């Protein structure tokens, strides 16, 4: 029985040895600026910055339409907040 146990132990040791792979190593994945993940992440930031810019200009530049400009700025910031909100579902 000892010879069978030692043979089984030897085969278990050999099966756990690392094997050499002939495949080429994979290159690390890079994110393109045009990938959906990057666009989805940057859209709320761009909208919030645009809303902030419009809001600052509406306060600085004297004009009769400053109320409309502040409304547009608020809409842009609210849109950014809506896009940035997580819906709770995992992405694929």
PDB file of N, CA and C in Angstrom:
ATOM      1  N   UNK A   1       0.807  -1.197   0.000  1.00  0.00           N
ATOM      2  CA  UNK A   1       0.000   0.000   0.000  1.00  0.00           C
ATOM      3  C   UNK A   1       0.849   1.259   0.000  1.00  0.00           C
ATOM      4  N   UNK A   2       2.007   1.196   0.639  1.00  0.00           N
ATOM      5  CA  UNK A   2       2.851   2.370   0.715  1.00  0.00           C
ATOM      6  C   UNK A   2       3.336   2.812  -0.665  1.00  0.00           C
ATOM      7  N   UNK A   3       3.564   1.858  -1.538  1.00  0.00           N
ATOM      8  CA  UNK A   3       4.028   2.220  -2.878  1.00  0.00           C
ATOM      9  C   UNK A   3       2.925   2.923  -3.665  1.00  0.00           C
ATOM     10  N   UNK A   4       1.666   2.517  -3.445  1.00  0.00           N
ATOM     11  CA  UNK A   4       0.556   3.197  -4.121  1.00  0.00           C
ATOM     12  C   UNK A   4       0.374   4.606  -3.574  1.00  0.00           C
ATOM     13  N   UNK A   5       0.492   4.775  -2.266  1.00  0.00           N
ATOM     14  CA  UNK A   5       0.357   6.095  -1.661  1.00  0.00           C
ATOM     15  C   UNK A   5       1.473   7.026  -2.115  1.00  0.00           C
ATOM     16  N   UNK A   6       2.689   6.495  -2.187  1.00  0.00           N
ATOM     17  CA  UNK A   6       3.800   7.339  -2.612  1.00  0.00           C
ATOM     18  C   UNK A   6       3.662   7.685  -4.093  1.00  0.00           C
ATOM     19  N   UNK A   7       3.125   6.777  -4.903  1.00  0.00           N
ATOM     20  CA  UNK A   7       2.911   7.067  -6.319  1.00  0.00           C
ATOM     21  C   UNK A   7       1.817   8.119  -6.483  1.00  0.00           C
ATOM     22  N   UNK A   8       0.769   8.018  -5.672  1.00  0.00           N
ATOM     23  CA  UNK A   8      -0.309   9.010  -5.722  1.00  0.00           C
ATOM     24  C   UNK A   8       0.200  10.360  -5.252  1.00  0.00           C
ATOM     25  N   UNK A   9       0.996  10.369  -4.199  1.00  0.00           N
ATOM     26  CA  UNK A   9       1.557  11.622  -3.689  1.00  0.00           C
ATOM     27  C   UNK A   9       2.475  12.249  -4.722  1.00  0.00           C
ATOM     28  N   UNK A  10       3.272  11.428  -5.398  1.00  0.00           N
ATOM     29  CA  UNK A  10       4.176  11.943  -6.427  1.00  0.00           C
ATOM     30  C   UNK A  10       3.389  12.527  -7.596  1.00  0.00           C
ATOM     31  N   UNK A  11       2.299  11.896  -8.015  1.00  0.00           N
ATOM     32  CA  UNK A  11       1.507  12.419  -9.123  1.00  0.00           C
ATOM     33  C   UNK A  11       0.809  13.718  -8.718  1.00  0.00           C
ATOM     34  N   UNK A  12       0.404  13.814  -7.427  1.00  0.00           N
ATOM     35  CA  UNK A  12      -0.204  15.060  -6.946  1.00  0.00           C
ATOM     36  C   UNK A  12       0.807  16.197  -6.944  1.00  0.00           C
ATOM     37  N   UNK A  13       2.032  15.896  -6.566  1.00  0.00           N
ATOM     38  CA  UNK A  13       3.073  16.929  -6.570  1.00  0.00           C
ATOM     39  C   UNK A  13       3.353  17.383  -7.988  1.00  0.00           C
ATOM     40  N   UNK A  14       3.427  16.444  -8.915  1.00  0.00           N
ATOM     41  CA  UNK A  14       3.707  16.794 -10.302  1.00  0.00           C
ATOM     42  C   UNK A  14       2.560  17.599 -10.921  1.00  0.00           C
ATOM     43  N   UNK A  15       1.330  17.325 -10.501  1.00  0.00           N
ATOM     44  CA  UNK A  15       0.196  18.049 -11.082  1.00  0.00           C
ATOM     45  C   UNK A  15       0.121  19.484 -10.580  1.00  0.00           C
ATOM     46  N   UNK A  16       0.764  19.768  -9.437  1.00  0.00           N
ATOM     47  CA  UNK A  16       0.726  21.133  -8.921  1.00  0.00           C
ATOM     48  C   UNK A  16       1.906  21.972  -9.394  1.00  0.00           C
ATOM     49  N   UNK A  17       2.845  21.379 -10.106  1.00  0.00           N
ATOM     50  CA  UNK A  17       3.979  22.130 -10.616  1.00  0.00           C
ATOM     51  C   UNK A  17       3.489  23.084 -11.712  1.00  0.00           C
ATOM     52  N   UNK A  18       4.052  24.289 -11.761  1.00  0.00           N
ATOM     53  CA  UNK A  18       3.630  25.214 -12.809  1.00  0.00           C
ATOM     54  C   UNK A  18       4.074  24.718 -14.177  1.00  0.00           C
ATOM     55  N   UNK A  19       3.231  24.910 -15.139  1.00  0.00           N
ATOM     56  CA  UNK A  19       3.552  24.501 -16.500  1.00  0.00           C
ATOM     57  C   UNK A  19       3.999  25.719 -17.289  1.00  0.00           C
ATOM     58  N   UNK A  20       4.874  25.488 -18.241  1.00  0.00           N
ATOM     59  CA  UNK A  20       5.338  26.582 -19.076  1.00  0.00           C
ATOM     60  C   UNK A  20       4.322  26.822 -20.172  1.00  0.00           C
ATOM     61  N   UNK A  21       4.001  28.068 -20.355  1.00  0.00           N
ATOM     62  CA  UNK A  21       3.032  28.430 -21.371  1.00  0.00           C
ATOM     63  C   UNK A  21       3.769  28.912 -22.610  1.00  0.00           C
ATOM     64  N   UNK A  22       3.315  28.456 -23.747  1.00  0.00           N
ATOM     65  CA  UNK A  22       3.931  28.907 -24.995  1.00  0.00           C
ATOM     66  C   UNK A  22       3.216  30.119 -25.572  1.00  0.00           C
ATOM     67  N   UNK A  23       2.112  30.521 -24.944  1.00  0.00           N
ATOM     68  CA  UNK A  23       1.369  31.680 -25.436  1.00  0.00           C
ATOM     69  C   UNK A  23       2.122  32.963 -25.102  1.00  0.00           C
ATOM     70  N   UNK A  24       1.957  33.948 -25.955  1.00  0.00           N
ATOM     71  CA  UNK A  24       2.605  35.233 -25.731  1.00  0.00           C
ATOM     72  C   UNK A  24       1.922  35.950 -24.569  1.00  0.00           C
ATOM     73  N   UNK A  25       2.672  36.702 -23.804  1.00  0.00           N
ATOM     74  CA  UNK A  25       2.031  37.445 -22.705  1.00  0.00           C
ATOM     75  C   UNK A  25       1.068  38.485 -23.254  1.00  0.00           C
ATOM     76  N   UNK A  26      -0.029  38.664 -22.542  1.00  0.00           N
ATOM     77  CA  UNK A  26      -1.028  39.631 -23.007  1.00  0.00           C
ATOM     78  C   UNK A  26      -0.613  41.035 -22.620  1.00  0.00           C
ATOM     79  N   UNK A  27      -0.987  41.971 -23.453  1.00  0.00           N
ATOM     80  CA  UNK A  27      -0.695  43.373 -23.172  1.00  0.00           C
ATOM     81  C   UNK A  27      -1.759  43.911 -22.227  1.00  0.00           C
ATOM     82  N   UNK A  28      -1.389  44.830 -21.351  1.00  0.00           N
ATOM     83  CA  UNK A  28      -2.406  45.400 -20.455  1.00  0.00           C
ATOM     84  C   UNK A  28      -3.428  46.202 -21.247  1.00  0.00           C
ATOM     85  N   UNK A  29      -4.657  46.145 -20.795  1.00  0.00           N
ATOM     86  CA  UNK A  29      -5.737  46.855 -21.479  1.00  0.00           C
ATOM     87  C   UNK A  29      -5.582  48.356 -21.257  1.00  0.00           C
ATOM     88  N   UNK A  30      -5.766  49.110 -22.310  1.00  0.00           N
ATOM     89  CA  UNK A  30      -5.719  50.563 -22.199  1.00  0.00           C
ATOM     90  C   UNK A  30      -7.090  51.115 -22.539  1.00  0.00           C
ATOM     91  N   UNK A  31      -7.479  52.168 -21.845  1.00  0.00           N
ATOM     92  CA  UNK A  31      -8.762  52.799 -22.113  1.00  0.00           C
ATOM     93  C   UNK A  31      -8.582  53.900 -23.143  1.00  0.00           C
ATOM     94  N   UNK A  32      -9.341  53.821 -24.180  1.00  0.00           N
ATOM     95  CA  UNK A  32      -9.355  54.872 -25.177  1.00  0.00           C
ATOM     96  C   UNK A  32     -10.280  55.975 -24.702  1.00  0.00           C
ATOM     97  N   UNK A  33     -10.016  57.192 -25.129  1.00  0.00           N
ATOM     98  CA  UNK A  33     -10.884  58.300 -24.731  1.00  0.00           C
ATOM     99  C   UNK A  33     -12.269  58.153 -25.361  1.00  0.00           C
ATOM    100  N   UNK A  34     -12.386  57.338 -26.374  1.00  0.00           N
ATOM    101  CA  UNK A  34     -13.671  57.145 -27.043  1.00  0.00           C
ATOM    102  C   UNK A  34     -14.415  55.905 -26.550  1.00  0.00           C
ATOM    103  N   UNK A  35     -13.903  55.259 -25.510  1.00  0.00           N
ATOM    104  CA  UNK A  35     -14.588  54.082 -24.994  1.00  0.00           C
ATOM    105  C   UNK A  35     -15.854  54.522 -24.254  1.00  0.00           C
ATOM    106  N   UNK A  36     -16.866  53.686 -24.216  1.00  0.00           N
ATOM    107  CA  UNK A  36     -18.125  54.061 -23.551  1.00  0.00           C
ATOM    108  C   UNK A  36     -17.962  54.389 -22.071  1.00  0.00           C
ATOM    109  N   UNK A  37     -17.051  53.703 -21.395  1.00  0.00           N
ATOM    110  CA  UNK A  37     -16.851  53.968 -19.977  1.00  0.00           C
ATOM    111  C   UNK A  37     -16.310  55.371 -19.734  1.00  0.00           C
ATOM    112  N   UNK A  38     -15.364  55.788 -20.561  1.00  0.00           N
ATOM    113  CA  UNK A  38     -14.764  57.115 -20.398  1.00  0.00           C
ATOM    114  C   UNK A  38     -15.775  58.196 -20.757  1.00  0.00           C
ATOM    115  N   UNK A  39     -16.528  57.996 -21.813  1.00  0.00           N
ATOM    116  CA  UNK A  39     -17.532  58.979 -22.217  1.00  0.00           C
ATOM    117  C   UNK A  39     -18.610  59.098 -21.148  1.00  0.00           C
ATOM    118  N   UNK A  40     -19.026  57.970 -20.592  1.00  0.00           N
ATOM    119  CA  UNK A  40     -20.051  57.979 -19.546  1.00  0.00           C
ATOM    120  C   UNK A  40     -19.534  58.674 -18.284  1.00  0.00           C
ATOM    121  N   UNK A  41     -18.266  58.552 -18.003  1.00  0.00           N
ATOM    122  CA  UNK A  41     -17.705  59.194 -16.814  1.00  0.00           C
ATOM    123  C   UNK A  41     -17.476  60.689 -17.025  1.00  0.00           C
ATOM    124  N   UNK A  42     -17.107  61.088 -18.236  1.00  0.00           N
ATOM    125  CA  UNK A  42     -16.766  62.492 -18.488  1.00  0.00           C
ATOM    126  C   UNK A  42     -17.969  63.373 -18.812  1.00  0.00           C
ATOM    127  N   UNK A  43     -19.063  62.807 -19.284  1.00  0.00           N
ATOM    128  CA  UNK A  43     -20.228  63.615 -19.669  1.00  0.00           C
ATOM    129  C   UNK A  43     -20.780  64.439 -18.513  1.00  0.00           C
ATOM    130  N   UNK A  44     -21.014  63.883 -17.320  1.00  0.00           N
ATOM    131  CA  UNK A  44     -21.509  64.729 -16.222  1.00  0.00           C
ATOM    132  C   UNK A  44     -20.521  65.824 -15.814  1.00  0.00           C
ATOM    133  N   UNK A  45     -19.235  65.516 -15.897  1.00  0.00           N
ATOM    134  CA  UNK A  45     -18.225  66.512 -15.537  1.00  0.00           C
ATOM    135  C   UNK A  45     -18.270  67.679 -16.515  1.00  0.00           C
ATOM    136  N   UNK A  46     -18.363  67.375 -17.797  1.00  0.00           N
ATOM    137  CA  UNK A  46     -18.415  68.430 -18.816  1.00  0.00           C
ATOM    138  C   UNK A  46     -19.683  69.258 -18.659  1.00  0.00           C
ATOM    139  N   UNK A  47     -20.820  68.610 -18.410  1.00  0.00           N
ATOM    140  CA  UNK A  47     -22.067  69.359 -18.237  1.00  0.00           C
ATOM    141  C   UNK A  47     -22.024  70.248 -16.996  1.00  0.00           C
ATOM    142  N   UNK A  48     -21.446  69.759 -15.920  1.00  0.00           N
ATOM    143  CA  UNK A  48     -21.347  70.564 -14.701  1.00  0.00           C
ATOM    144  C   UNK A  48     -20.428  71.762 -14.910  1.00  0.00           C
ATOM    145  N   UNK A  49     -19.331  71.556 -15.603  1.00  0.00           N
ATOM    146  CA  UNK A  49     -18.425  72.672 -15.896  1.00  0.00           C
ATOM    147  C   UNK A  49     -19.084  73.695 -16.813  1.00  0.00           C
ATOM    148  N   UNK A  50     -19.825  73.215 -17.787  1.00  0.00           N
ATOM    149  CA  UNK A  50     -20.542  74.126 -18.689  1.00  0.00           C
ATOM    150  C   UNK A  50     -21.584  74.933 -17.924  1.00  0.00           C
ATOM    151  N   UNK A  51     -22.324  74.279 -17.047  1.00  0.00           N
ATOM    152  CA  UNK A  51     -23.313  74.983 -16.229  1.00  0.00           C
ATOM    153  C   UNK A  51     -22.668  76.001 -15.310  1.00  0.00           C
ATOM    154  N   UNK A  52     -21.525  75.647 -14.724  1.00  0.00           N
ATOM    155  CA  UNK A  52     -20.813  76.587 -13.851  1.00  0.00           C
ATOM    156  C   UNK A  52     -20.300  77.780 -14.637  1.00  0.00           C
ATOM    157  N   UNK A  53     -19.803  77.546 -15.826  1.00  0.00           N
ATOM    158  CA  UNK A  53     -19.316  78.637 -16.674  1.00  0.00           C
ATOM    159  C   UNK A  53     -20.448  79.583 -17.066  1.00  0.00           C
ATOM    160  N   UNK A  54     -21.569  79.024 -17.474  1.00  0.00           N
ATOM    161  CA  UNK A  54     -22.725  79.857 -17.839  1.00  0.00           C
ATOM    162  C   UNK A  54     -23.218  80.637 -16.629  1.00  0.00           C
ATOM    163  N   UNK A  55     -23.265  79.991 -15.473  1.00  0.00           N
ATOM    164  CA  UNK A  55     -23.711  80.668 -14.254  1.00  0.00           C
ATOM    165  C   UNK A  55     -22.794  81.804 -13.859  1.00  0.00           C
ATOM    166  N   UNK A  56     -21.492  81.583 -13.933  1.00  0.00           N
ATOM    167  CA  UNK A  56     -20.531  82.653 -13.602  1.00  0.00           C
ATOM    168  C   UNK A  56     -20.629  83.806 -14.588  1.00  0.00           C
ATOM    169  N   UNK A  57     -20.755  83.492 -15.851  1.00  0.00           N
ATOM    170  CA  UNK A  57     -20.890  84.556 -16.859  1.00  0.00           C
ATOM    171  C   UNK A  57     -22.192  85.330 -16.670  1.00  0.00           C
ATOM    172  N   UNK A  58     -23.250  84.653 -16.265  1.00  0.00           N
ATOM    173  CA  UNK A  58     -24.531  85.340 -16.052  1.00  0.00           C
ATOM    174  C   UNK A  58     -24.438  86.298 -14.871  1.00  0.00           C
ATOM    175  N   UNK A  59     -23.623  85.967 -13.883  1.00  0.00           N
ATOM    176  CA  UNK A  59     -23.474  86.851 -12.734  1.00  0.00           C
ATOM    177  C   UNK A  59     -22.509  88.003 -13.002  1.00  0.00           C
ATOM    178  N   UNK A  60     -21.499  87.764 -13.814  1.00  0.00           N
ATOM    179  CA  UNK A  60     -20.474  88.777 -14.070  1.00  0.00           C
ATOM    180  C   UNK A  60     -20.906  89.776 -15.135  1.00  0.00           C
ATOM    181  N   UNK A  61     -21.408  89.284 -16.260  1.00  0.00           N
ATOM    182  CA  UNK A  61     -21.751  90.147 -17.391  1.00  0.00           C
ATOM    183  C   UNK A  61     -23.128  90.760 -17.153  1.00  0.00           C
ATOM    184  N   UNK A  62     -23.214  92.078 -17.162  1.00  0.00           N
ATOM    185  CA  UNK A  62     -24.531  92.700 -16.983  1.00  0.00           C
ATOM    186  C   UNK A  62     -25.371  92.531 -18.257  1.00  0.00           C
ATOM    187  N   UNK A  63     -26.514  91.915 -18.087  1.00  0.00           N
ATOM    188  CA  UNK A  63     -27.391  91.716 -19.239  1.00  0.00           C
ATOM    189  C   UNK A  63     -28.822  91.629 -18.744  1.00  0.00           C
ATOM    190  N   UNK A  64     -29.758  91.864 -19.656  1.00  0.00           N
ATOM    191  CA  UNK A  64     -31.173  91.772 -19.310  1.00  0.00           C
ATOM    192  C   UNK A  64     -31.638  90.321 -19.180  1.00  0.00           C
ATOM    193  N   UNK A  65     -30.915  89.412 -19.785  1.00  0.00           N
ATOM    194  CA  UNK A  65     -31.347  88.006 -19.822  1.00  0.00           C
ATOM    195  C   UNK A  65     -30.605  87.160 -18.788  1.00  0.00           C
ATOM    196  N   UNK A  66     -30.177  87.738 -17.699  1.00  0.00           N
ATOM    197  CA  UNK A  66     -29.398  86.964 -16.721  1.00  0.00           C
ATOM    198  C   UNK A  66     -30.245  85.886 -16.046  1.00  0.00           C
ATOM    199  N   UNK A  67     -31.532  86.122 -15.913  1.00  0.00           N
ATOM    200  CA  UNK A  67     -32.402  85.110 -15.306  1.00  0.00           C
ATOM    201  C   UNK A  67     -32.469  83.868 -16.188  1.00  0.00           C
ATOM    202  N   UNK A  68     -32.561  84.071 -17.490  1.00  0.00           N
ATOM    203  CA  UNK A  68     -32.592  82.931 -18.417  1.00  0.00           C
ATOM    204  C   UNK A  68     -31.257  82.190 -18.408  1.00  0.00           C
ATOM    205  N   UNK A  69     -30.167  82.930 -18.288  1.00  0.00           N
ATOM    206  CA  UNK A  69     -28.848  82.293 -18.263  1.00  0.00           C
ATOM    207  C   UNK A  69     -28.670  81.465 -16.996  1.00  0.00           C
ATOM    208  N   UNK A  70     -29.150  81.994 -15.871  1.00  0.00           N
ATOM    209  CA  UNK A  70     -29.059  81.218 -14.626  1.00  0.00           C
ATOM    210  C   UNK A  70     -29.941  79.977 -14.685  1.00  0.00           C
ATOM    211  N   UNK A  71     -31.079  80.074 -15.334  1.00  0.00           N
ATOM    212  CA  UNK A  71     -31.939  78.906 -15.516  1.00  0.00           C
ATOM    213  C   UNK A  71     -31.273  77.855 -16.379  1.00  0.00           C
ATOM    214  N   UNK A  72     -30.592  78.298 -17.443  1.00  0.00           N
ATOM    215  CA  UNK A  72     -29.866  77.368 -18.313  1.00  0.00           C
ATOM    216  C   UNK A  72     -28.717  76.715 -17.554  1.00  0.00           C
ATOM    217  N   UNK A  73     -28.024  77.503 -16.736  1.00  0.00           N
ATOM    218  CA  UNK A  73     -26.932  76.952 -15.945  1.00  0.00           C
ATOM    219  C   UNK A  73     -27.454  75.912 -14.949  1.00  0.00           C
ATOM    220  N   UNK A  74     -28.566  76.211 -14.307  1.00  0.00           N
ATOM    221  CA  UNK A  74     -29.161  75.251 -13.371  1.00  0.00           C
ATOM    222  C   UNK A  74     -29.606  73.980 -14.052  1.00  0.00           C
ATOM    223  N   UNK A  75     -30.128  74.111 -15.264  1.00  0.00           N
ATOM    224  CA  UNK A  75     -30.547  72.934 -16.022  1.00  0.00           C
ATOM    225  C   UNK A  75     -29.357  72.059 -16.387  1.00  0.00           C
ATOM    226  N   UNK A  76     -28.251  72.690 -16.774  1.00  0.00           N
ATOM    227  CA  UNK A  76     -27.050  71.928 -17.131  1.00  0.00           C
ATOM    228  C   UNK A  76     -26.491  71.197 -15.913  1.00  0.00           C
ATOM    229  N   UNK A  77     -26.481  71.862 -14.780  1.00  0.00           N
ATOM    230  CA  UNK A  77     -25.966  71.223 -13.562  1.00  0.00           C
ATOM    231  C   UNK A  77     -26.900  70.105 -13.109  1.00  0.00           C
ATOM    232  N   UNK A  78     -28.202  70.309 -13.223  1.00  0.00           N
ATOM    233  CA  UNK A  78     -29.149  69.254 -12.855  1.00  0.00           C
ATOM    234  C   UNK A  78     -29.028  68.053 -13.795  1.00  0.00           C
ATOM    235  N   UNK A  79     -28.797  68.321 -15.068  1.00  0.00           N
ATOM    236  CA  UNK A  79     -28.586  67.228 -16.024  1.00  0.00           C
ATOM    237  C   UNK A  79     -27.327  66.439 -15.694  1.00  0.00           C
ATOM    238  N   UNK A  80     -26.296  67.147 -15.284  1.00  0.00           N
ATOM    239  CA  UNK A  80     -25.054  66.470 -14.895  1.00  0.00           C
ATOM    240  C   UNK A  80     -25.288  65.603 -13.672  1.00  0.00           C
ATOM    241  N   UNK A  81     -26.048  66.105 -12.721  1.00  0.00           N
ATOM    242  CA  UNK A  81     -26.330  65.320 -11.516  1.00  0.00           C
ATOM    243  C   UNK A  81     -27.161  64.086 -11.853  1.00  0.00           C
ATOM    244  N   UNK A  82     -28.088  64.229 -12.775  1.00  0.00           N
ATOM    245  CA  UNK A  82     -28.897  63.081 -13.184  1.00  0.00           C
ATOM    246  C   UNK A  82     -28.088  62.022 -13.899  1.00  0.00           C
ATOM    247  N   UNK A  83     -27.129  62.441 -14.713  1.00  0.00           N
ATOM    248  CA  UNK A  83     -26.293  61.475 -15.419  1.00  0.00           C
ATOM    249  C   UNK A  83     -25.284  60.822 -14.489  1.00  0.00           C
ATOM    250  N   UNK A  84     -24.848  61.543 -13.482  1.00  0.00           N
ATOM    251  CA  UNK A  84     -23.848  61.005 -12.569  1.00  0.00           C
ATOM    252  C   UNK A  84     -24.456  60.065 -11.540  1.00  0.00           C
ATOM    253  N   UNK A  85     -25.766  60.095 -11.368  1.00  0.00           N
ATOM    254  CA  UNK A  85     -26.420  59.243 -10.383  1.00  0.00           C
ATOM    255  C   UNK A  85     -26.304  57.787 -10.777  1.00  0.00           C
ATOM    256  N   UNK A  86     -25.925  56.956  -9.828  1.00  0.00           N
ATOM    257  CA  UNK A  86     -25.810  55.522 -10.083  1.00  0.00           C
ATOM    258  C   UNK A  86     -27.199  54.899 -10.051  1.00  0.00           C
ATOM    259  N   UNK A  87     -27.473  54.031 -11.008  1.00  0.00           N
ATOM    260  CA  UNK A  87     -28.782  53.374 -11.030  1.00  0.00           C
ATOM    261  C   UNK A  87     -28.786  52.073 -10.249  1.00  0.00           C
ATOM    262  N   UNK A  88     -27.646  51.684  -9.709  1.00  0.00           N
ATOM    263  CA  UNK A  88     -27.582  50.502  -8.874  1.00  0.00           C
ATOM    264  C   UNK A  88     -27.371  49.201  -9.615  1.00  0.00           C
ATOM    265  N   UNK A  89     -27.492  49.205 -10.933  1.00  0.00           N
ATOM    266  CA  UNK A  89     -27.284  47.969 -11.678  1.00  0.00           C
ATOM    267  C   UNK A  89     -25.823  47.871 -12.085  1.00  0.00           C
ATOM    268  N   UNK A  90     -25.233  46.682 -12.012  1.00  0.00           N
ATOM    269  CA  UNK A  90     -23.833  46.529 -12.385  1.00  0.00           C
ATOM    270  C   UNK A  90     -23.660  46.668 -13.890  1.00  0.00           C
ATOM    271  N   UNK A  91     -22.531  47.250 -14.292  1.00  0.00           N
ATOM    272  CA  UNK A  91     -22.225  47.378 -15.718  1.00  0.00           C
ATOM    273  C   UNK A  91     -21.542  46.125 -16.212  1.00  0.00           C
ATOM    274  N   UNK A  92     -21.699  45.856 -17.464  1.00  0.00           N
ATOM    275  CA  UNK A  92     -21.087  44.647 -18.048  1.00  0.00           C
ATOM    276  C   UNK A  92     -19.705  44.926 -18.539  1.00  0.00           C
TER     277      UNK A  92
END
